Amino acid sequence: NDVLELAARIFLRPGATAIYSQYAFAIYPLLAQAVGARGIT
């Protein structure tokens, strides 16, 4: 989880989007939301 968060903190920011699958690991949308990015399921 720590290294997943590091990647999110480097590349995501408000206005950016992260893509993940429906039913995927719940941490992914949390990582995007925590830095103000928009998640696309």
All heavy atoms as atom14 arrays in JSON, in Angstrom:
{
  "sequence": "NDVLELAARIFLRPGATAIYSQYAFAIYPLLAQAVGARGIT",
  "atom14_mask": [
    [1, 1, 1, 1, 1, 1, 1, 1, 0, 0, 0, 0, 0, 0],
    [1, 1, 1, 1, 1, 1, 1, 1, 0, 0, 0, 0, 0, 0],
    [1, 1, 1, 1, 1, 1, 1, 0, 0, 0, 0, 0, 0, 0],
    [1, 1, 1, 1, 1, 1, 1, 1, 0, 0, 0, 0, 0, 0],
    [1, 1, 1, 1, 1, 1, 1, 1, 1, 0, 0, 0, 0, 0],
    [1, 1, 1, 1, 1, 1, 1, 1, 0, 0, 0, 0, 0, 0],
    [1, 1, 1, 1, 1, 0, 0, 0, 0, 0, 0, 0, 0, 0],
    [1, 1, 1, 1, 1, 0, 0, 0, 0, 0, 0, 0, 0, 0],
    [1, 1, 1, 1, 1, 1, 1, 1, 1, 1, 1, 0, 0, 0],
    [1, 1, 1, 1, 1, 1, 1, 1, 0, 0, 0, 0, 0, 0],
    [1, 1, 1, 1, 1, 1, 1, 1, 1, 1, 1, 0, 0, 0],
    [1, 1, 1, 1, 1, 1, 1, 1, 0, 0, 0, 0, 0, 0],
    [1, 1, 1, 1, 1, 1, 1, 1, 1, 1, 1, 0, 0, 0],
    [1, 1, 1, 1, 1, 1, 1, 0, 0, 0, 0, 0, 0, 0],
    [1, 1, 1, 1, 0, 0, 0, 0, 0, 0, 0, 0, 0, 0],
    [1, 1, 1, 1, 1, 0, 0, 0, 0, 0, 0, 0, 0, 0],
    [1, 1, 1, 1, 1, 1, 1, 0, 0, 0, 0, 0, 0, 0],
    [1, 1, 1, 1, 1, 0, 0, 0, 0, 0, 0, 0, 0, 0],
    [1, 1, 1, 1, 1, 1, 1, 1, 0, 0, 0, 0, 0, 0],
    [1, 1, 1, 1, 1, 1, 1, 1, 1, 1, 1, 1, 0, 0],
    [1, 1, 1, 1, 1, 1, 0, 0, 0, 0, 0, 0, 0, 0],
    [1, 1, 1, 1, 1, 1, 1, 1, 1, 0, 0, 0, 0, 0],
    [1, 1, 1, 1, 1, 1, 1, 1, 1, 1, 1, 1, 0, 0],
    [1, 1, 1, 1, 1, 0, 0, 0, 0, 0, 0, 0, 0, 0],
    [1, 1, 1, 1, 1, 1, 1, 1, 1, 1, 1, 0, 0, 0],
    [1, 1, 1, 1, 1, 0, 0, 0, 0, 0, 0, 0, 0, 0],
    [1, 1, 1, 1, 1, 1, 1, 1, 0, 0, 0, 0, 0, 0],
    [1, 1, 1, 1, 1, 1, 1, 1, 1, 1, 1, 1, 0, 0],
    [1, 1, 1, 1, 1, 1, 1, 0, 0, 0, 0, 0, 0, 0],
    [1, 1, 1, 1, 1, 1, 1, 1, 0, 0, 0, 0, 0, 0],
    [1, 1, 1, 1, 1, 1, 1, 1, 0, 0, 0, 0, 0, 0],
    [1, 1, 1, 1, 1, 0, 0, 0, 0, 0, 0, 0, 0, 0],
    [1, 1, 1, 1, 1, 1, 1, 1, 1, 0, 0, 0, 0, 0],
    [1, 1, 1, 1, 1, 0, 0, 0, 0, 0, 0, 0, 0, 0],
    [1, 1, 1, 1, 1, 1, 1, 0, 0, 0, 0, 0, 0, 0],
    [1, 1, 1, 1, 0, 0, 0, 0, 0, 0, 0, 0, 0, 0],
    [1, 1, 1, 1, 1, 0, 0, 0, 0, 0, 0, 0, 0, 0],
    [1, 1, 1, 1, 1, 1, 1, 1, 1, 1, 1, 0, 0, 0],
    [1, 1, 1, 1, 0, 0, 0, 0, 0, 0, 0, 0, 0, 0],
    [1, 1, 1, 1, 1, 1, 1, 1, 0, 0, 0, 0, 0, 0],
    [1, 1, 1, 1, 1, 1, 1, 0, 0, 0, 0, 0, 0, 0]
  ],
  "atom14_positions": [
    [[0.83, -1.21, 0.0], [0.0, 0.0, 0.0], [0.86, 1.25, 0.0], [0.51, 2.27, -0.61], [-0.91, 0.02, 1.24], [-2.16, -0.8, 1.05], [-2.23, -1.61, 0.14], [-3.12, -0.62, 1.92], [0.0, 0.0, 0.0], [0.0, 0.0, 0.0], [0.0, 0.0, 0.0], [0.0, 0.0, 0.0], [0.0, 0.0, 0.0], [0.0, 0.0, 0.0]],
    [[1.98, 1.2, 0.69], [2.87, 2.35, 0.8], [3.42, 2.74, -0.57], [3.41, 3.92, -0.95], [4.01, 2.02, 1.76], [4.85, 3.23, 2.14], [4.38, 4.36, 1.96], [5.98, 3.03, 2.61], [0.0, 0.0, 0.0], [0.0, 0.0, 0.0], [0.0, 0.0, 0.0], [0.0, 0.0, 0.0], [0.0, 0.0, 0.0], [0.0, 0.0, 0.0]],
    [[3.9, 1.77, -1.33], [4.48, 2.11, -2.64], [3.38, 2.49, -3.64], [3.61, 3.31, -4.55], [5.37, 0.97, -3.18], [6.64, 0.87, -2.37], [4.65, -0.37, -3.21], [0.0, 0.0, 0.0], [0.0, 0.0, 0.0], [0.0, 0.0, 0.0], [0.0, 0.0, 0.0], [0.0, 0.0, 0.0], [0.0, 0.0, 0.0], [0.0, 0.0, 0.0]],
    [[2.19, 1.94, -3.47], [1.06, 2.38, -4.3], [0.77, 3.86, -4.05], [0.55, 4.63, -4.99], [-0.19, 1.55, -3.99], [-0.19, 0.09, -4.44], [-1.36, -0.66, -3.81], [-0.28, -0.01, -5.96], [0.0, 0.0, 0.0], [0.0, 0.0, 0.0], [0.0, 0.0, 0.0], [0.0, 0.0, 0.0], [0.0, 0.0, 0.0], [0.0, 0.0, 0.0]],
    [[0.82, 4.25, -2.79], [0.58, 5.64, -2.44], [1.67, 6.56, -2.98], [1.4, 7.68, -3.42], [0.46, 5.8, -0.93], [0.15, 7.23, -0.5], [0.03, 7.38, 1.0], [0.18, 6.38, 1.72], [-0.2, 8.53, 1.45], [0.0, 0.0, 0.0], [0.0, 0.0, 0.0], [0.0, 0.0, 0.0], [0.0, 0.0, 0.0], [0.0, 0.0, 0.0]],
    [[2.92, 6.08, -2.95], [4.01, 6.9, -3.48], [3.78, 7.22, -4.96], [3.96, 8.36, -5.4], [5.35, 6.17, -3.31], [5.84, 5.94, -1.88], [7.14, 5.16, -1.9], [6.0, 7.26, -1.14], [0.0, 0.0, 0.0], [0.0, 0.0, 0.0], [0.0, 0.0, 0.0], [0.0, 0.0, 0.0], [0.0, 0.0, 0.0], [0.0, 0.0, 0.0]],
    [[3.36, 6.22, -5.72], [3.1, 6.44, -7.14], [1.97, 7.45, -7.33], [2.04, 8.35, -8.18], [2.75, 5.12, -7.82], [0.0, 0.0, 0.0], [0.0, 0.0, 0.0], [0.0, 0.0, 0.0], [0.0, 0.0, 0.0], [0.0, 0.0, 0.0], [0.0, 0.0, 0.0], [0.0, 0.0, 0.0], [0.0, 0.0, 0.0], [0.0, 0.0, 0.0]],
    [[0.92, 7.33, -6.52], [-0.21, 8.26, -6.63], [0.2, 9.68, -6.28], [-0.2, 10.64, -6.95], [-1.35, 7.79, -5.73], [0.0, 0.0, 0.0], [0.0, 0.0, 0.0], [0.0, 0.0, 0.0], [0.0, 0.0, 0.0], [0.0, 0.0, 0.0], [0.0, 0.0, 0.0], [0.0, 0.0, 0.0], [0.0, 0.0, 0.0], [0.0, 0.0, 0.0]],
    [[1.0, 9.83, -5.24], [1.42, 11.17, -4.82], [2.29, 11.86, -5.87], [2.26, 13.08, -6.02], [2.17, 11.09, -3.5], [1.28, 10.8, -2.29], [2.13, 10.56, -1.05], [3.0, 11.71, -0.77], [4.07, 11.65, 0.01], [4.43, 10.5, 0.58], [4.81, 12.73, 0.22], [0.0, 0.0, 0.0], [0.0, 0.0, 0.0], [0.0, 0.0, 0.0]],
    [[3.07, 11.08, -6.61], [3.94, 11.66, -7.63], [3.16, 12.08, -8.86], [3.37, 13.18, -9.41], [5.05, 10.66, -8.02], [6.0, 10.45, -6.84], [5.83, 11.15, -9.24], [6.97, 9.29, -7.05], [0.0, 0.0, 0.0], [0.0, 0.0, 0.0], [0.0, 0.0, 0.0], [0.0, 0.0, 0.0], [0.0, 0.0, 0.0], [0.0, 0.0, 0.0]],
    [[2.25, 11.24, -9.31], [1.66, 11.45, -10.63], [0.23, 11.99, -10.63], [-0.25, 12.44, -11.67], [1.71, 10.14, -11.43], [3.1, 9.76, -11.83], [3.82, 8.84, -11.07], [3.72, 10.33, -12.92], [5.12, 8.49, -11.42], [5.01, 10.0, -13.27], [5.71, 9.08, -12.52], [0.0, 0.0, 0.0], [0.0, 0.0, 0.0], [0.0, 0.0, 0.0]],
    [[-0.44, 11.94, -9.49], [-1.82, 12.43, -9.45], [-1.89, 13.77, -8.73], [-1.11, 14.05, -7.83], [-2.73, 11.42, -8.75], [-2.93, 10.08, -9.44], [-3.82, 9.18, -8.61], [-3.53, 10.27, -10.84], [0.0, 0.0, 0.0], [0.0, 0.0, 0.0], [0.0, 0.0, 0.0], [0.0, 0.0, 0.0], [0.0, 0.0, 0.0], [0.0, 0.0, 0.0]],
    [[-2.87, 14.57, -9.13], [-3.1, 15.87, -8.53], [-4.51, 16.31, -8.93], [-5.13, 15.69, -9.8], [-2.07, 16.9, -9.02], [-2.07, 17.11, -10.54], [-0.92, 17.97, -11.0], [0.35, 17.38, -10.68], [0.96, 16.45, -11.43], [0.37, 15.99, -12.54], [2.13, 15.96, -11.09], [0.0, 0.0, 0.0], [0.0, 0.0, 0.0], [0.0, 0.0, 0.0]],
    [[-5.04, 17.36, -8.31], [-6.36, 17.85, -8.74], [-6.4, 18.13, -10.24], [-5.48, 18.75, -10.78], [-6.54, 19.13, -7.92], [-5.74, 18.88, -6.67], [-4.53, 18.11, -7.13], [0.0, 0.0, 0.0], [0.0, 0.0, 0.0], [0.0, 0.0, 0.0], [0.0, 0.0, 0.0], [0.0, 0.0, 0.0], [0.0, 0.0, 0.0], [0.0, 0.0, 0.0]],
    [[-7.42, 17.63, -10.88], [-7.56, 17.79, -12.32], [-7.1, 16.57, -13.11], [-7.49, 16.39, -14.26], [0.0, 0.0, 0.0], [0.0, 0.0, 0.0], [0.0, 0.0, 0.0], [0.0, 0.0, 0.0], [0.0, 0.0, 0.0], [0.0, 0.0, 0.0], [0.0, 0.0, 0.0], [0.0, 0.0, 0.0], [0.0, 0.0, 0.0], [0.0, 0.0, 0.0]],
    [[-6.25, 15.74, -12.5], [-5.8, 14.5, -13.16], [-6.81, 13.39, -12.9], [-7.65, 13.47, -12.01], [-4.43, 14.09, -12.63], [0.0, 0.0, 0.0], [0.0, 0.0, 0.0], [0.0, 0.0, 0.0], [0.0, 0.0, 0.0], [0.0, 0.0, 0.0], [0.0, 0.0, 0.0], [0.0, 0.0, 0.0], [0.0, 0.0, 0.0], [0.0, 0.0, 0.0]],
    [[-6.72, 12.32, -13.69], [-7.6, 11.17, -13.5], [-6.79, 9.89, -13.34], [-5.69, 9.75, -13.89], [-8.58, 10.99, -14.68], [-7.84, 10.67, -15.87], [-9.41, 12.24, -14.91], [0.0, 0.0, 0.0], [0.0, 0.0, 0.0], [0.0, 0.0, 0.0], [0.0, 0.0, 0.0], [0.0, 0.0, 0.0], [0.0, 0.0, 0.0], [0.0, 0.0, 0.0]],
    [[-7.36, 8.99, -12.56], [-6.81, 7.64, -12.4], [-7.88, 6.65, -12.84], [-9.08, 6.84, -12.55], [-6.44, 7.38, -10.95], [0.0, 0.0, 0.0], [0.0, 0.0, 0.0], [0.0, 0.0, 0.0], [0.0, 0.0, 0.0], [0.0, 0.0, 0.0], [0.0, 0.0, 0.0], [0.0, 0.0, 0.0], [0.0, 0.0, 0.0], [0.0, 0.0, 0.0]],
    [[-7.45, 5.61, -13.52], [-8.38, 4.6, -14.03], [-8.18, 3.3, -13.28], [-7.05, 2.88, -13.03], [-8.15, 4.38, -15.54], [-8.51, 5.64, -16.33], [-8.95, 3.19, -16.06], [-8.17, 5.56, -17.81], [0.0, 0.0, 0.0], [0.0, 0.0, 0.0], [0.0, 0.0, 0.0], [0.0, 0.0, 0.0], [0.0, 0.0, 0.0], [0.0, 0.0, 0.0]],
    [[-9.27, 2.66, -12.92], [-9.23, 1.34, -12.29], [-10.53, 0.63, -12.62], [-11.51, 1.22, -13.07], [-9.04, 1.45, -10.77], [-9.75, 2.61, -10.13], [-11.13, 2.57, -9.88], [-9.05, 3.78, -9.81], [-11.78, 3.64, -9.31], [-9.7, 4.85, -9.25], [-11.06, 4.79, -8.99], [-11.71, 5.87, -8.45], [0.0, 0.0, 0.0], [0.0, 0.0, 0.0]],
    [[-10.53, -0.66, -12.39], [-11.68, -1.48, -12.75], [-12.73, -1.5, -11.65], [-12.41, -1.37, -10.46], [-11.22, -2.92, -13.04], [-12.34, -3.76, -13.3], [0.0, 0.0, 0.0], [0.0, 0.0, 0.0], [0.0, 0.0, 0.0], [0.0, 0.0, 0.0], [0.0, 0.0, 0.0], [0.0, 0.0, 0.0], [0.0, 0.0, 0.0], [0.0, 0.0, 0.0]],
    [[-13.96, -1.66, -12.06], [-15.01, -2.0, -11.1], [-14.62, -3.28, -10.37], [-14.04, -4.19, -10.95], [-16.32, -2.21, -11.86], [-17.53, -2.54, -11.01], [-18.73, -2.89, -11.86], [-18.59, -3.28, -13.03], [-19.92, -2.77, -11.3], [0.0, 0.0, 0.0], [0.0, 0.0, 0.0], [0.0, 0.0, 0.0], [0.0, 0.0, 0.0], [0.0, 0.0, 0.0]],
    [[-14.91, -3.33, -9.09], [-14.58, -4.47, -8.21], [-13.08, -4.63, -7.97], [-12.63, -5.67, -7.5], [-15.12, -5.8, -8.75], [-16.55, -5.77, -9.2], [-16.92, -6.31, -10.42], [-17.54, -5.21, -8.4], [-18.24, -6.3, -10.84], [-18.86, -5.19, -8.82], [-19.21, -5.74, -10.04], [-20.51, -5.73, -10.45], [0.0, 0.0, 0.0], [0.0, 0.0, 0.0]],
    [[-12.28, -3.62, -8.27], [-10.84, -3.72, -8.01], [-10.56, -3.32, -6.57], [-11.44, -2.87, -5.83], [-10.05, -2.86, -8.98], [0.0, 0.0, 0.0], [0.0, 0.0, 0.0], [0.0, 0.0, 0.0], [0.0, 0.0, 0.0], [0.0, 0.0, 0.0], [0.0, 0.0, 0.0], [0.0, 0.0, 0.0], [0.0, 0.0, 0.0], [0.0, 0.0, 0.0]],
    [[-9.31, -3.46, -6.15], [-8.88, -3.2, -4.79], [-9.35, -1.81, -4.33], [-9.12, -0.81, -5.01], [-7.36, -3.3, -4.73], [-6.77, -3.29, -3.36], [-7.45, -3.74, -2.25], [-5.47, -2.82, -3.18], [-6.89, -3.73, -0.99], [-4.88, -2.81, -1.93], [-5.6, -3.26, -0.83], [0.0, 0.0, 0.0], [0.0, 0.0, 0.0], [0.0, 0.0, 0.0]],
    [[-9.98, -1.75, -3.16], [-10.61, -0.51, -2.68], [-9.62, 0.61, -2.43], [-10.01, 1.79, -2.36], [-11.39, -0.8, -1.4], [0.0, 0.0, 0.0], [0.0, 0.0, 0.0], [0.0, 0.0, 0.0], [0.0, 0.0, 0.0], [0.0, 0.0, 0.0], [0.0, 0.0, 0.0], [0.0, 0.0, 0.0], [0.0, 0.0, 0.0], [0.0, 0.0, 0.0]],
    [[-8.34, 0.29, -2.31], [-7.34, 1.32, -2.04], [-7.18, 2.27, -3.23], [-6.89, 3.47, -3.05], [-5.98, 0.66, -1.7], [-6.06, 0.01, -0.32], [-4.84, 1.67, -1.75], [-6.29, 0.99, 0.83], [0.0, 0.0, 0.0], [0.0, 0.0, 0.0], [0.0, 0.0, 0.0], [0.0, 0.0, 0.0], [0.0, 0.0, 0.0], [0.0, 0.0, 0.0]],
    [[-7.36, 1.79, -4.46], [-7.1, 2.62, -5.64], [-7.94, 3.91, -5.64], [-7.38, 5.0, -5.81], [-7.31, 1.84, -6.93], [-6.53, 0.55, -7.02], [-7.0, -0.52, -7.76], [-5.31, 0.38, -6.35], [-6.29, -1.71, -7.85], [-4.6, -0.8, -6.43], [-5.1, -1.86, -7.18], [-4.41, -3.03, -7.26], [0.0, 0.0, 0.0], [0.0, 0.0, 0.0]],
    [[-9.26, 3.82, -5.5], [-10.03, 5.08, -5.47], [-9.67, 5.96, -4.28], [-9.71, 7.19, -4.37], [-11.48, 4.61, -5.41], [-11.44, 3.17, -5.03], [-10.14, 2.64, -5.52], [0.0, 0.0, 0.0], [0.0, 0.0, 0.0], [0.0, 0.0, 0.0], [0.0, 0.0, 0.0], [0.0, 0.0, 0.0], [0.0, 0.0, 0.0], [0.0, 0.0, 0.0]],
    [[-9.3, 5.36, -3.14], [-8.9, 6.15, -1.98], [-7.64, 6.94, -2.28], [-7.5, 8.11, -1.88], [-8.69, 5.25, -0.77], [-9.93, 4.63, -0.14], [-9.53, 3.73, 1.03], [-10.91, 5.69, 0.31], [0.0, 0.0, 0.0], [0.0, 0.0, 0.0], [0.0, 0.0, 0.0], [0.0, 0.0, 0.0], [0.0, 0.0, 0.0], [0.0, 0.0, 0.0]],
    [[-6.68, 6.32, -2.97], [-5.43, 6.99, -3.31], [-5.69, 8.18, -4.22], [-5.09, 9.26, -4.05], [-4.47, 6.02, -4.0], [-3.94, 4.86, -3.15], [-3.07, 3.94, -4.01], [-3.14, 5.38, -1.97], [0.0, 0.0, 0.0], [0.0, 0.0, 0.0], [0.0, 0.0, 0.0], [0.0, 0.0, 0.0], [0.0, 0.0, 0.0], [0.0, 0.0, 0.0]],
    [[-6.57, 8.0, -5.19], [-6.89, 9.1, -6.1], [-7.59, 10.23, -5.35], [-7.25, 11.41, -5.51], [-7.75, 8.59, -7.25], [0.0, 0.0, 0.0], [0.0, 0.0, 0.0], [0.0, 0.0, 0.0], [0.0, 0.0, 0.0], [0.0, 0.0, 0.0], [0.0, 0.0, 0.0], [0.0, 0.0, 0.0], [0.0, 0.0, 0.0], [0.0, 0.0, 0.0]],
    [[-8.56, 9.88, -4.54], [-9.33, 10.89, -3.83], [-8.46, 11.67, -2.84], [-8.64, 12.87, -2.64], [-10.49, 10.23, -3.1], [-11.48, 11.2, -2.49], [-12.7, 10.5, -1.92], [-12.84, 9.29, -2.02], [-13.59, 11.27, -1.32], [0.0, 0.0, 0.0], [0.0, 0.0, 0.0], [0.0, 0.0, 0.0], [0.0, 0.0, 0.0], [0.0, 0.0, 0.0]],
    [[-7.5, 10.99, -2.22], [-6.67, 11.63, -1.2], [-5.81, 12.76, -1.74], [-5.39, 13.64, -0.99], [-5.77, 10.58, -0.53], [0.0, 0.0, 0.0], [0.0, 0.0, 0.0], [0.0, 0.0, 0.0], [0.0, 0.0, 0.0], [0.0, 0.0, 0.0], [0.0, 0.0, 0.0], [0.0, 0.0, 0.0], [0.0, 0.0, 0.0], [0.0, 0.0, 0.0]],
    [[-5.53, 12.74, -3.06], [-4.74, 13.82, -3.66], [-5.59, 14.72, -4.56], [-5.07, 15.55, -5.3], [-3.54, 13.24, -4.46], [-2.55, 12.57, -3.53], [-4.0, 12.27, -5.54], [0.0, 0.0, 0.0], [0.0, 0.0, 0.0], [0.0, 0.0, 0.0], [0.0, 0.0, 0.0], [0.0, 0.0, 0.0], [0.0, 0.0, 0.0], [0.0, 0.0, 0.0]],
    [[-6.91, 14.56, -4.49], [-7.8, 15.43, -5.23], [-7.99, 15.07, -6.69], [-8.57, 15.84, -7.45], [0.0, 0.0, 0.0], [0.0, 0.0, 0.0], [0.0, 0.0, 0.0], [0.0, 0.0, 0.0], [0.0, 0.0, 0.0], [0.0, 0.0, 0.0], [0.0, 0.0, 0.0], [0.0, 0.0, 0.0], [0.0, 0.0, 0.0], [0.0, 0.0, 0.0]],
    [[-7.48, 13.9, -7.1], [-7.66, 13.47, -8.49], [-9.05, 12.84, -8.66], [-9.71, 12.48, -7.69], [-6.58, 12.48, -8.88], [0.0, 0.0, 0.0], [0.0, 0.0, 0.0], [0.0, 0.0, 0.0], [0.0, 0.0, 0.0], [0.0, 0.0, 0.0], [0.0, 0.0, 0.0], [0.0, 0.0, 0.0], [0.0, 0.0, 0.0], [0.0, 0.0, 0.0]],
    [[-9.45, 12.67, -9.89], [-10.75, 12.07, -10.18], [-10.55, 10.62, -10.6], [-9.71, 10.32, -11.45], [-11.47, 12.84, -11.3], [-12.86, 12.3, -11.63], [-13.62, 13.25, -12.53], [-12.98, 13.39, -13.83], [-13.28, 12.62, -14.89], [-14.18, 11.65, -14.79], [-12.68, 12.83, -16.04], [0.0, 0.0, 0.0], [0.0, 0.0, 0.0], [0.0, 0.0, 0.0]],
    [[-11.27, 9.73, -9.97], [-11.2, 8.32, -10.32], [-12.19, 7.96, -11.41], [-13.33, 8.45, -11.4], [0.0, 0.0, 0.0], [0.0, 0.0, 0.0], [0.0, 0.0, 0.0], [0.0, 0.0, 0.0], [0.0, 0.0, 0.0], [0.0, 0.0, 0.0], [0.0, 0.0, 0.0], [0.0, 0.0, 0.0], [0.0, 0.0, 0.0], [0.0, 0.0, 0.0]],
    [[-11.76, 7.13, -12.35], [-12.65, 6.63, -13.4], [-12.76, 5.12, -13.22], [-11.78, 4.39, -13.36], [-12.1, 6.95, -14.8], [-12.03, 8.47, -15.01], [-12.96, 6.29, -15.88], [-11.43, 8.87, -16.34], [0.0, 0.0, 0.0], [0.0, 0.0, 0.0], [0.0, 0.0, 0.0], [0.0, 0.0, 0.0], [0.0, 0.0, 0.0], [0.0, 0.0, 0.0]],
    [[-13.96, 4.67, -12.89], [-14.21, 3.24, -12.71], [-14.72, 2.64, -14.01], [-15.77, 3.06, -14.52], [-15.24, 3.01, -11.59], [-14.81, 3.61, -10.38], [-15.44, 1.52, -11.36], [0.0, 0.0, 0.0], [0.0, 0.0, 0.0], [0.0, 0.0, 0.0], [0.0, 0.0, 0.0], [0.0, 0.0, 0.0], [0.0, 0.0, 0.0], [0.0, 0.0, 0.0]]
  ]
}
